[in-house]
């Protein structure tokens, strides 16, 4: 990958409005990510690398998974970017389409949500009702349906926690009921087309700058809810030049202006080496969180001057809005 260019460019900004509204009926009944049976209050970014949560590795389906999943890189780059900006967990929804005939879930866009004030920690986050409502309204405007949710595990593996599994199971039940209601009207076949995604941006055990992620779905195994790994395909970024769409750029710009609590210091060291070879051998010089983020975003982009210009614009905007010298 090319090194960052030392020139400044401006990108459009769009802050996510902070509107005080009453929780919707769905917000009152949806699954919650809250602390339960584990230590709380710790803000030590590195010491929580392993997490105080009980994490459960996902299993593979013995034969075939219940439906296929396709995710646009436009959505991936927004989720990965969101996860890198905060020391605390971030959260959001996934918008897309469900083909009940082909049993195919198509995730088109990511819709970041704010964490509810006072709930954001390194291992938990509760969605702000006003932000949730805004995300669902935006999806409706674009003709998309809620087909999943995502959150981050800032410094530890993207295996779902017991709470994540419970939340995912509840989400699936909620959307299955909705699908069954439609089936009674002859619209589609009942199913549970809803997935969870977890991004791990700053785990010190990552082999490279690329983030680790997990796409999962829950099924019963001996009466116990079990997280299952969902294989998925990528459609790549389909816009001109292989760069994020205008919608994705506006979302990223809004995130830069809205992430305040727990904001990552991009100038500090992520780890004293760049890569881990063969799972154990450190390689390369020291890597800052700025270099880590740029490297992670580069995974979704072509190796072109236009892609480097796009990244320069992103970091120039961060530098301006966060009032921090990133060298751009």
Protein backbone atom coordinates (compact mmCIF):
# COMPACT_ATOMS: atom_id res chain seq x y z
CA UNK A 1 0.00 0.00 0.00
CA UNK A 2 1.15 3.56 -0.62
CA UNK A 3 2.20 5.75 2.25
CA UNK A 4 -0.16 8.60 3.25
CA UNK A 5 0.31 11.73 1.19
CA UNK A 6 1.08 14.91 3.09
CA UNK A 7 -1.57 17.15 1.55
CA UNK A 8 -4.87 18.39 2.80
CA UNK A 9 -8.27 18.05 1.22
CA UNK A 10 -11.69 18.88 2.52
CA UNK A 11 -14.60 16.44 2.58
CA UNK A 12 -18.29 17.23 3.11
CA UNK A 13 -19.49 16.90 6.68
CA UNK A 14 -22.85 15.84 8.03
CA UNK A 15 -23.26 15.43 11.76
CA UNK A 16 -25.83 13.01 13.08
CA UNK A 17 -28.43 15.16 14.86
CA UNK A 18 -28.95 14.62 18.57
CA UNK A 19 -32.71 14.67 18.88
CA UNK A 20 -34.51 13.92 22.12
CA UNK A 21 -37.47 11.69 21.36
CA UNK A 22 -39.52 9.16 23.25
CA UNK A 23 -38.48 5.52 22.77
CA UNK A 24 -40.48 3.71 20.08
CA UNK A 25 -42.47 0.59 20.91
CA UNK A 26 -39.83 -1.47 19.15
CA UNK A 27 -37.05 0.29 21.08
CA UNK A 28 -38.72 -0.63 24.36
CA UNK A 29 -38.93 -4.31 23.39
CA UNK A 30 -35.81 -4.90 21.34
CA UNK A 31 -32.81 -6.82 22.70
CA UNK A 32 -30.41 -4.78 24.83
CA UNK A 33 -26.63 -4.91 25.18
CA UNK A 34 -26.15 -4.35 28.86
CA UNK A 35 -23.77 -5.42 31.60
CA UNK A 36 -24.80 -8.69 33.24
CA UNK A 37 -22.72 -10.81 35.58
CA UNK A 38 -19.36 -9.24 34.85
CA UNK A 39 -17.14 -6.44 36.08
CA UNK A 40 -17.98 -2.93 34.90
CA UNK A 41 -16.60 0.54 34.95
CA UNK A 42 -13.16 -0.27 33.60
CA UNK A 43 -11.91 2.06 30.88
CA UNK A 44 -8.47 0.48 30.49
CA UNK A 45 -8.25 0.04 26.72
CA UNK A 46 -5.48 -2.56 26.60
CA UNK A 47 -6.18 -4.54 29.76
CA UNK A 48 -9.64 -5.37 28.39
CA UNK A 49 -8.06 -7.07 25.36
CA UNK A 50 -9.36 -10.44 26.45
CA UNK A 51 -12.58 -8.89 27.67
CA UNK A 52 -14.39 -9.63 30.92
CA UNK A 53 -17.13 -11.23 28.84
CA UNK A 54 -17.57 -14.94 28.31
CA UNK A 55 -17.03 -15.31 24.58
CA UNK A 56 -18.32 -18.27 22.58
CA UNK A 57 -16.60 -19.32 19.32
CA UNK A 58 -18.99 -19.81 16.43
CA UNK A 59 -19.53 -23.29 15.05
CA UNK A 60 -19.86 -24.27 11.43
CA UNK A 61 -22.99 -25.77 9.93
CA UNK A 62 -22.58 -29.55 9.48
CA UNK A 63 -24.33 -29.56 6.09
CA UNK A 64 -25.45 -26.17 4.82
CA UNK A 65 -26.48 -22.86 6.34
CA UNK A 66 -30.17 -21.84 6.28
CA UNK A 67 -29.65 -19.02 3.76
CA UNK A 68 -26.89 -17.36 1.78
CA UNK A 69 -25.49 -13.97 2.73
CA UNK A 70 -23.99 -11.31 0.48
CA UNK A 71 -22.50 -8.10 1.88
CA UNK A 72 -21.50 -5.04 -0.10
CA UNK A 73 -18.08 -3.63 0.74
CA UNK A 74 -19.80 -0.24 0.91
CA UNK A 75 -21.39 -1.50 4.15
CA UNK A 76 -18.18 -3.15 5.33
CA UNK A 77 -16.08 0.00 5.06
CA UNK A 78 -18.63 2.01 7.08
CA UNK A 79 -18.78 -0.61 9.87
CA UNK A 80 -15.01 -1.01 10.03
CA UNK A 81 -14.51 2.76 10.08
CA UNK A 82 -17.10 3.17 12.86
CA UNK A 83 -15.43 0.48 14.97
CA UNK A 84 -12.02 2.20 14.73
CA UNK A 85 -13.19 5.60 15.96
CA UNK A 86 -14.14 4.71 19.55
CA UNK A 87 -12.48 3.00 22.50
CA UNK A 88 -15.98 1.88 23.48
CA UNK A 89 -18.27 -0.54 21.72
CA UNK A 90 -20.20 0.95 18.80
CA UNK A 91 -23.49 -0.32 17.44
CA UNK A 92 -25.72 -0.03 14.38
CA UNK A 93 -28.16 -1.71 12.01
CA UNK A 94 -27.75 -3.37 8.63
CA UNK A 95 -30.12 -2.55 5.79
CA UNK A 96 -30.79 -4.75 2.80
CA UNK A 97 -33.15 -7.13 1.06
CA UNK A 98 -34.41 -10.66 1.67
CA UNK A 99 -35.23 -13.01 -1.21
CA UNK A 100 -37.51 -15.66 0.32
CA UNK A 101 -37.51 -17.74 -2.88
CA UNK A 102 -33.72 -17.96 -3.27
CA UNK A 103 -33.17 -17.86 0.51
CA UNK A 104 -30.69 -15.05 -0.01
CA UNK A 105 -29.94 -12.14 2.34
CA UNK A 106 -28.39 -9.14 0.64
CA UNK A 107 -26.82 -6.54 2.95
CA UNK A 108 -26.45 -3.23 1.12
CA UNK A 109 -25.71 -0.58 3.72
CA UNK A 110 -24.69 -0.04 7.33
CA UNK A 111 -26.56 2.47 9.49
CA UNK A 112 -24.49 3.54 12.52
CA UNK A 113 -26.38 4.44 15.68
CA UNK A 114 -25.28 6.40 18.73
CA UNK A 115 -24.80 4.69 22.04
CA UNK A 116 -27.15 5.79 24.79
CA UNK A 117 -25.37 8.25 27.10
CA UNK A 118 -23.88 6.52 30.11
CA UNK A 119 -24.06 3.00 28.66
CA UNK A 120 -20.97 2.94 26.45
CA UNK A 121 -18.05 0.90 27.75
CA UNK A 122 -15.27 -1.21 26.27
CA UNK A 123 -17.50 -4.29 26.47
CA UNK A 124 -21.08 -2.99 26.24
CA UNK A 125 -23.28 -0.47 24.48
CA UNK A 126 -27.00 0.38 24.47
CA UNK A 127 -28.56 1.93 21.37
CA UNK A 128 -29.94 5.47 21.66
CA UNK A 129 -33.69 5.44 20.74
CA UNK A 130 -33.51 8.69 18.75
CA UNK A 131 -30.58 7.41 16.72
CA UNK A 132 -32.33 4.09 16.15
CA UNK A 133 -35.43 5.85 14.87
CA UNK A 134 -33.35 8.00 12.50
CA UNK A 135 -31.58 4.90 11.13
CA UNK A 136 -34.85 3.08 10.49
CA UNK A 137 -36.35 6.16 8.82
CA UNK A 138 -33.29 6.40 6.55
CA UNK A 139 -33.69 2.74 5.61
CA UNK A 140 -37.35 3.27 4.78
CA UNK A 141 -36.43 6.21 2.57
CA UNK A 142 -33.95 4.04 0.66
CA UNK A 143 -36.42 1.16 0.36
CA UNK A 144 -34.36 -1.16 2.58
CA UNK A 145 -35.35 -3.49 5.41
CA UNK A 146 -33.59 -4.13 8.72
CA UNK A 147 -31.75 -7.40 8.07
CA UNK A 148 -29.10 -7.37 10.79
CA UNK A 149 -27.16 -5.51 13.44
CA UNK A 150 -23.50 -4.92 14.12
CA UNK A 151 -21.32 -3.90 17.02
CA UNK A 152 -17.64 -3.86 17.89
CA UNK A 153 -15.35 -5.68 20.28
CA UNK A 154 -12.71 -2.93 20.41
CA UNK A 155 -9.72 -4.92 21.66
CA UNK A 156 -10.79 -8.53 21.83
CA UNK A 157 -11.92 -11.35 19.55
CA UNK A 158 -15.15 -10.99 17.53
CA UNK A 159 -16.65 -14.11 19.07
CA UNK A 160 -20.16 -13.37 20.38
CA UNK A 161 -20.68 -13.06 24.11
CA UNK A 162 -23.53 -14.78 25.94
CA UNK A 163 -25.43 -11.48 25.79
CA UNK A 164 -24.77 -11.18 22.06
CA UNK A 165 -26.17 -14.68 21.55
CA UNK A 166 -29.27 -13.84 23.58
CA UNK A 167 -29.77 -10.61 21.64
CA UNK A 168 -29.35 -12.34 18.28
CA UNK A 169 -31.81 -15.08 19.22
CA UNK A 170 -34.35 -12.44 20.26
CA UNK A 171 -33.82 -10.50 17.04
CA UNK A 172 -34.38 -13.65 14.99
CA UNK A 173 -37.57 -14.42 16.87
CA UNK A 174 -38.80 -10.86 16.37
CA UNK A 175 -38.21 -10.92 12.63
CA UNK A 176 -39.51 -14.48 12.27
CA UNK A 177 -42.80 -13.35 13.74
CA UNK A 178 -42.86 -10.47 11.30
CA UNK A 179 -42.17 -12.82 8.41
CA UNK A 180 -44.86 -15.24 9.59
CA UNK A 181 -47.35 -12.39 9.61
CA UNK A 182 -46.47 -11.66 6.00
CA UNK A 183 -46.69 -15.34 5.10
CA UNK A 184 -50.27 -15.43 6.30
CA UNK A 185 -50.94 -12.73 3.74
CA UNK A 186 -49.26 -14.83 1.07
CA UNK A 187 -46.27 -12.53 0.76
CA UNK A 188 -43.34 -14.73 1.75
CA UNK A 189 -42.25 -17.86 3.49
CA UNK A 190 -41.49 -17.75 7.20
CA UNK A 191 -37.79 -17.65 8.11
CA UNK A 192 -35.31 -15.84 10.32
CA UNK A 193 -33.34 -13.70 7.84
CA UNK A 194 -31.40 -11.63 10.36
CA UNK A 195 -27.66 -11.79 11.10
CA UNK A 196 -25.28 -10.29 13.62
CA UNK A 197 -21.86 -8.88 12.80
CA UNK A 198 -18.95 -8.17 15.14
CA UNK A 199 -15.84 -6.16 14.23
CA UNK A 200 -12.58 -6.35 16.18
CA UNK A 201 -10.39 -3.37 15.15
CA UNK A 202 -7.65 -3.12 17.79
CA UNK A 203 -7.04 -6.66 19.06
CA UNK A 204 -3.27 -6.84 19.58
CA UNK A 205 -3.31 -10.42 18.28
CA UNK A 206 -4.46 -9.50 14.75
CA UNK A 207 -2.09 -10.85 12.10
CA UNK A 208 -2.12 -7.57 10.15
CA UNK A 209 -3.78 -4.15 10.01
CA UNK A 210 -6.95 -5.74 8.63
CA UNK A 211 -9.74 -6.02 11.21
CA UNK A 212 -11.18 -9.38 12.16
CA UNK A 213 -14.94 -9.82 11.81
CA UNK A 214 -17.59 -12.43 12.44
CA UNK A 215 -21.01 -12.92 10.85
CA UNK A 216 -23.21 -15.15 12.96
CA UNK A 217 -26.69 -16.60 13.35
CA UNK A 218 -28.12 -18.55 16.28
CA UNK A 219 -29.73 -21.98 16.23
CA UNK A 220 -30.73 -24.43 18.93
CA UNK A 221 -28.30 -27.27 19.62
CA UNK A 222 -29.49 -29.71 22.28
CA UNK A 223 -31.93 -27.01 23.41
CA UNK A 224 -29.08 -24.52 23.84
CA UNK A 225 -28.77 -21.42 21.63
CA UNK A 226 -25.55 -21.82 19.67
CA UNK A 227 -23.78 -19.17 17.55
CA UNK A 228 -23.19 -20.41 14.02
CA UNK A 229 -20.68 -18.95 11.59
CA UNK A 230 -22.39 -17.62 8.47
CA UNK A 231 -20.31 -17.82 5.34
CA UNK A 232 -20.81 -14.79 3.16
CA UNK A 233 -19.79 -13.40 -0.18
CA UNK A 234 -18.73 -9.88 -1.01
CA UNK A 235 -20.00 -7.90 -3.96
CA UNK A 236 -17.17 -5.39 -3.68
CA UNK A 237 -17.66 -1.66 -4.05
CA UNK A 238 -19.70 -1.22 -7.21
CA UNK A 239 -19.47 2.56 -7.59
CA UNK A 240 -17.21 4.24 -10.11
CA UNK A 241 -13.53 3.58 -9.50
CA UNK A 242 -14.23 1.06 -6.75
CA UNK A 243 -14.55 3.82 -4.14
CA UNK A 244 -17.27 4.16 -1.49
CA UNK A 245 -20.57 5.59 -2.68
CA UNK A 246 -21.70 9.12 -1.87
CA UNK A 247 -24.06 7.68 0.73
CA UNK A 248 -21.21 5.80 2.45
CA UNK A 249 -19.00 8.91 2.38
CA UNK A 250 -21.74 11.01 3.96
CA UNK A 251 -22.20 8.37 6.66
CA UNK A 252 -18.47 8.31 7.41
CA UNK A 253 -18.39 12.11 7.53
CA UNK A 254 -21.29 12.08 9.98
CA UNK A 255 -19.48 9.58 12.18
CA UNK A 256 -16.40 11.81 12.37
CA UNK A 257 -18.55 14.61 13.73
CA UNK A 258 -20.69 12.50 16.05
CA UNK A 259 -18.20 10.22 17.85
CA UNK A 260 -17.18 12.11 20.98
CA UNK A 261 -17.26 9.92 24.08
CA UNK A 262 -14.42 7.41 24.04
CA UNK A 263 -12.84 8.92 20.94
CA UNK A 264 -9.69 7.03 19.94
CA UNK A 265 -6.37 8.88 19.99
CA UNK A 266 -5.17 8.02 16.50
CA UNK A 267 -1.67 9.34 17.15
CA UNK A 268 -0.91 6.82 19.91
CA UNK A 269 0.79 3.48 19.35
CA UNK A 270 -1.40 0.50 18.55
CA UNK A 271 1.46 -2.00 18.97
CA UNK A 272 5.28 -1.99 18.60
CA UNK A 273 5.21 -4.02 15.38
CA UNK A 274 3.03 -4.14 12.26
CA UNK A 275 2.28 -7.79 11.51
CA UNK A 276 2.35 -11.20 13.17
CA UNK A 277 3.79 -13.93 10.95
CA UNK A 278 2.82 -17.58 11.44
CA UNK A 279 0.73 -16.59 14.42
CA UNK A 280 3.71 -15.76 16.65
CA UNK A 281 6.54 -13.83 14.97
CA UNK A 282 6.34 -10.00 15.14
CA UNK A 283 7.32 -8.26 11.93
CA UNK A 284 7.67 -4.64 10.84
CA UNK A 285 8.08 -1.39 12.72
CA UNK A 286 5.78 0.29 15.26
CA UNK A 287 2.21 0.88 14.10
CA UNK A 288 0.05 3.79 15.26
CA UNK A 289 -3.73 3.59 15.39
CA UNK A 290 -3.81 6.02 12.49
CA UNK A 291 -1.75 3.63 10.36
CA UNK A 292 -3.90 0.73 11.58
CA UNK A 293 -7.11 2.47 10.49
CA UNK A 294 -5.70 3.49 7.12
CA UNK A 295 -4.50 -0.05 6.51
CA UNK A 296 -7.86 -1.53 7.47
CA UNK A 297 -9.78 0.77 5.09
CA UNK A 298 -7.29 0.05 2.30
CA UNK A 299 -8.39 -3.60 2.36
CA UNK A 300 -11.65 -2.57 0.69
CA UNK A 301 -10.15 -0.20 -1.88
CA UNK A 302 -8.21 -0.61 -5.13
CA UNK A 303 -4.53 0.31 -5.22
CA UNK A 304 -5.02 3.56 -7.13
CA UNK A 305 -4.19 7.23 -6.68
CA UNK A 306 -7.92 7.93 -6.42
CA UNK A 307 -8.19 5.57 -3.44
CA UNK A 308 -5.24 7.28 -1.75
CA UNK A 309 -6.89 10.66 -2.38
CA UNK A 310 -10.10 9.39 -0.79
CA UNK A 311 -8.23 8.25 2.33
CA UNK A 312 -6.41 11.60 2.49
CA UNK A 313 -9.80 13.34 2.47
CA UNK A 314 -11.08 11.15 5.30
CA UNK A 315 -8.10 11.81 7.56
CA UNK A 316 -7.98 15.50 6.71
CA UNK A 317 -11.57 15.77 7.87
CA UNK A 318 -10.78 13.89 11.09
CA UNK A 319 -7.83 16.20 11.67
CA UNK A 320 -10.05 19.25 11.24
CA UNK A 321 -13.08 18.12 13.25
CA UNK A 322 -11.10 16.54 16.07
CA UNK A 323 -8.55 19.37 16.22
CA UNK A 324 -5.65 16.95 16.17
CA UNK A 325 -2.48 17.00 14.07
CA UNK A 326 -2.39 13.82 11.98
CA UNK A 327 0.19 15.14 9.51
CA UNK A 328 -2.27 15.94 6.70
